[in-house]
Amino acid sequence: MKRTAVLIALATALLQGCAVIAVADTAATVAVKGVGLAADAAIGTARLAGRAVGAAADAVIPGGD
């Protein structure tokens, strides 16, 4: 993580104007997508756990359709 930050800082120092904004925008996009993927994984895991608990409850609790 530190290495990436240093590389971005060096690239930003070497570039000018719009290129600096483009580099910062790309870095921010990569960070946001990483957080989004982690959230999607956590939500998927919670859904699977919920389904497993529901199936176990259906198997144990008598009655119903």
Protein backbone atom coordinates (compact mmCIF):
# COMPACT_ATOMS: atom_id res chain seq x y z
CA MET A 1 0.00 0.00 0.00
CA LYS A 2 2.82 2.39 0.87
CA ARG A 3 4.62 1.50 -2.33
CA THR A 4 1.51 2.34 -4.37
CA ALA A 5 1.13 5.67 -2.60
CA VAL A 6 4.77 6.55 -3.29
CA LEU A 7 4.41 5.62 -6.96
CA ILE A 8 1.28 7.74 -7.29
CA ALA A 9 2.99 10.65 -5.56
CA LEU A 10 5.99 10.39 -7.90
CA ALA A 11 3.79 10.12 -10.97
CA THR A 12 1.77 13.11 -9.80
CA ALA A 13 4.92 15.16 -9.25
CA LEU A 14 6.16 14.37 -12.76
CA LEU A 15 2.88 15.11 -14.51
CA GLN A 16 1.14 18.43 -14.99
CA GLY A 17 -2.39 19.79 -15.31
CA CYS A 18 -5.04 17.37 -16.51
CA ALA A 19 -2.72 14.39 -16.27
CA VAL A 20 -2.46 14.89 -12.49
CA ILE A 21 -6.23 14.89 -12.20
CA ALA A 22 -6.45 11.76 -14.36
CA VAL A 23 -3.95 9.91 -12.17
CA ALA A 24 -5.78 10.92 -8.98
CA ASP A 25 -9.12 9.96 -10.52
CA THR A 26 -7.81 6.55 -11.53
CA ALA A 27 -6.39 5.91 -8.06
CA ALA A 28 -9.68 6.91 -6.43
CA THR A 29 -11.66 4.70 -8.81
CA VAL A 30 -9.46 1.68 -8.04
CA ALA A 31 -9.87 2.27 -4.29
CA VAL A 32 -13.66 2.63 -4.52
CA LYS A 33 -14.00 -0.49 -6.67
CA GLY A 34 -11.91 -2.47 -4.17
CA VAL A 35 -14.19 -1.40 -1.32
CA GLY A 36 -17.24 -2.23 -3.45
CA LEU A 37 -15.95 -5.72 -4.18
CA ALA A 38 -15.26 -6.34 -0.50
CA ALA A 39 -18.78 -5.19 0.38
CA ASP A 40 -20.29 -7.42 -2.32
CA ALA A 41 -18.37 -10.39 -0.95
CA ALA A 42 -19.55 -9.69 2.60
CA ILE A 43 -23.17 -9.32 1.47
CA GLY A 44 -22.97 -12.55 -0.54
CA THR A 45 -21.56 -14.39 2.47
CA ALA A 46 -24.34 -13.06 4.71
CA ARG A 47 -26.99 -14.14 2.19
CA LEU A 48 -25.56 -17.64 1.99
CA ALA A 49 -25.44 -17.88 5.79
CA GLY A 50 -29.04 -16.68 5.99
CA ARG A 51 -30.17 -19.27 3.47
CA ALA A 52 -28.35 -22.02 5.37
CA VAL A 53 -29.99 -20.98 8.66
CA GLY A 54 -33.40 -20.84 6.95
CA ALA A 55 -32.95 -24.28 5.43
CA ALA A 56 -31.88 -25.71 8.79
CA ALA A 57 -34.89 -24.13 10.50
CA ASP A 58 -37.23 -25.53 7.82
CA ALA A 59 -35.76 -28.99 8.33
CA VAL A 60 -36.15 -28.87 12.12
CA ILE A 61 -39.49 -27.05 12.55
CA PRO A 62 -42.44 -29.29 11.67
CA GLY A 63 -45.49 -28.09 9.73
CA GLY A 64 -45.95 -25.64 6.92
CA ASP A 65 -46.64 -26.23 3.25
